[in-house]
Amino acid sequence: TDRQHDPAGEHAGVGEPNEFVNDVREAATYWQRLGLLMEEGDAYIVLPGGSGTSVELIAALHTQKVREKLMPGTSAKDVVLLCADKATTDRTLDWLEEAAGKKVADELVFANTPRLVLKYLAAPRVKAE
């Protein structure tokens, strides 16, 4: 995880990491934080949220497109939408597609429990030719 600081050096909207976090990354700005997420993440798990969620999702999908075009053969990073039920999934997907200005469902993996996310991410992948 990473922390975002305001110019005065205070944590901006982020408290101390919980006991499961063992690698803290500092970022001076939101945009640096977003860059770290895109560069260092092995996968992106999207939870229902607000405008920050849509920015991060759009950045993850854009990063995938750029990676495919500029770095063919590199590993894709999965983007998983985790929602507890179909109504939340549909509502979140509608909102995200409106924010992105395009359909994104075909670019996502859907899961309704954290266990399914982990199962999907742990499964072996067939490398695209």
Protein backbone atom coordinates (compact mmCIF):
# COMPACT_ATOMS: atom_id res chain seq x y z
CA THR A 1 0.00 0.00 0.00
CA ASP A 2 1.09 3.59 -0.20
CA ARG A 3 0.46 6.83 1.59
CA GLN A 4 -0.40 10.12 -0.02
CA HIS A 5 0.88 13.32 1.60
CA ASP A 6 -0.39 16.86 1.35
CA PRO A 7 2.14 19.72 0.92
CA ALA A 8 2.34 20.17 4.71
CA GLY A 9 3.51 16.58 5.06
CA GLU A 10 0.31 15.23 6.59
CA HIS A 11 -1.29 12.00 5.42
CA ALA A 12 -4.04 12.93 2.97
CA GLY A 13 -7.08 10.81 3.77
CA VAL A 14 -5.10 7.69 4.63
CA GLY A 15 -4.46 6.36 8.12
CA GLU A 16 -1.87 3.92 9.28
CA PRO A 17 -1.82 0.59 7.40
CA ASN A 18 -3.48 -2.41 9.04
CA GLU A 19 -1.56 -5.42 10.35
CA PHE A 20 -1.78 -7.24 6.99
CA VAL A 21 0.28 -4.60 5.16
CA ASN A 22 3.98 -5.39 5.08
CA ASP A 23 5.17 -3.06 2.30
CA VAL A 24 4.32 0.65 2.62
CA ARG A 25 5.02 2.92 -0.35
CA GLU A 26 5.09 6.70 0.08
CA ALA A 27 3.86 9.05 -2.65
CA ALA A 28 4.07 12.84 -2.59
CA THR A 29 1.01 13.35 -4.79
CA TYR A 30 -2.08 11.51 -5.94
CA TRP A 31 -0.62 11.23 -9.46
CA GLN A 32 2.59 9.69 -8.15
CA ARG A 33 0.47 7.26 -6.11
CA LEU A 34 -1.52 6.34 -9.22
CA GLY A 35 1.71 5.81 -11.16
CA LEU A 36 3.00 3.47 -8.44
CA LEU A 37 -0.26 1.51 -8.54
CA MET A 38 -0.01 1.06 -12.31
CA GLU A 39 3.70 0.20 -12.35
CA GLU A 40 3.96 -2.07 -9.34
CA GLY A 41 0.58 -3.77 -9.09
CA ASP A 42 0.38 -7.40 -10.20
CA ALA A 43 -3.39 -7.08 -10.66
CA TYR A 44 -6.05 -4.48 -9.96
CA ILE A 45 -9.01 -5.27 -7.73
CA VAL A 46 -11.78 -2.70 -8.06
CA LEU A 47 -14.36 -2.27 -5.29
CA PRO A 48 -17.49 -0.12 -5.56
CA GLY A 49 -16.48 3.44 -4.85
CA GLY A 50 -16.55 6.99 -6.10
CA SER A 51 -14.63 9.15 -8.53
CA GLY A 52 -11.23 7.91 -7.31
CA THR A 53 -12.29 4.35 -8.12
CA SER A 54 -13.26 5.31 -11.66
CA VAL A 55 -9.97 7.16 -12.23
CA GLU A 56 -7.98 4.17 -11.00
CA LEU A 57 -10.02 1.72 -13.08
CA ILE A 58 -9.68 3.82 -16.24
CA ALA A 59 -5.93 4.15 -15.59
CA ALA A 60 -5.61 0.36 -15.16
CA LEU A 61 -7.50 -0.34 -18.38
CA HIS A 62 -5.50 2.31 -20.26
CA THR A 63 -2.25 0.87 -18.91
CA GLN A 64 -3.31 -2.54 -20.26
CA LYS A 65 -3.93 -1.10 -23.76
CA VAL A 66 -0.59 0.73 -23.78
CA ARG A 67 1.22 -2.39 -22.54
CA GLU A 68 -0.35 -4.49 -25.34
CA LYS A 69 0.68 -1.98 -28.02
CA LEU A 70 4.11 -0.90 -26.81
CA MET A 71 5.31 -4.01 -24.99
CA PRO A 72 3.87 -7.04 -26.77
CA GLY A 73 4.52 -10.28 -24.97
CA THR A 74 4.60 -8.73 -21.50
CA SER A 75 2.27 -10.14 -18.90
CA ALA A 76 -1.19 -8.65 -18.73
CA LYS A 77 -2.41 -7.42 -15.37
CA ASP A 78 -5.91 -8.58 -14.51
CA VAL A 79 -8.57 -6.05 -13.55
CA VAL A 80 -11.17 -7.62 -11.23
CA LEU A 81 -14.45 -5.98 -10.18
CA LEU A 82 -15.39 -7.29 -6.73
CA CYS A 83 -19.04 -6.71 -5.79
CA ALA A 84 -21.12 -8.71 -3.31
CA ASP A 85 -24.21 -9.09 -5.52
CA LYS A 86 -25.45 -8.66 -9.09
CA ALA A 87 -27.36 -5.44 -8.35
CA THR A 88 -24.19 -3.81 -6.99
CA THR A 89 -22.16 -5.17 -9.90
CA ASP A 90 -24.63 -3.78 -12.45
CA ARG A 91 -24.87 -0.39 -10.72
CA THR A 92 -21.08 -0.11 -10.35
CA LEU A 93 -20.45 -1.21 -13.92
CA ASP A 94 -23.01 1.29 -15.28
CA TRP A 95 -21.37 4.06 -13.30
CA LEU A 96 -17.83 3.06 -14.35
CA GLU A 97 -18.81 2.80 -18.02
CA GLU A 98 -20.39 6.23 -17.88
CA ALA A 99 -17.21 7.64 -16.30
CA ALA A 100 -15.00 5.88 -18.87
CA GLY A 101 -17.22 6.88 -21.78
CA LYS A 102 -17.11 3.34 -23.15
CA LYS A 103 -18.05 -0.26 -22.42
CA VAL A 104 -15.54 -1.88 -20.09
CA ALA A 105 -17.26 -5.14 -19.11
CA ASP A 106 -15.25 -7.19 -21.63
CA GLU A 107 -12.01 -5.93 -20.09
CA LEU A 108 -12.89 -6.98 -16.53
CA VAL A 109 -13.12 -10.14 -14.50
CA PHE A 110 -16.09 -10.29 -12.10
CA ALA A 111 -16.14 -11.80 -8.62
CA ASN A 112 -18.54 -11.63 -5.68
CA THR A 113 -16.22 -12.72 -2.86
CA PRO A 114 -12.56 -12.08 -2.00
CA ARG A 115 -12.03 -15.86 -2.06
CA LEU A 116 -13.10 -15.97 -5.75
CA VAL A 117 -10.72 -13.12 -6.55
CA LEU A 118 -7.82 -15.01 -4.99
CA LYS A 119 -8.83 -18.25 -6.70
CA TYR A 120 -8.94 -16.49 -10.09
CA LEU A 121 -5.62 -14.71 -9.58
CA ALA A 122 -3.91 -17.92 -8.41
CA ALA A 123 -5.11 -19.95 -11.43
CA PRO A 124 -2.54 -20.66 -14.16
CA ARG A 125 -2.96 -18.58 -17.32
CA VAL A 126 -2.61 -19.64 -20.92
CA LYS A 127 -0.15 -17.24 -22.56
CA ALA A 128 -1.61 -15.50 -25.60
CA GLU A 129 0.30 -15.98 -28.84
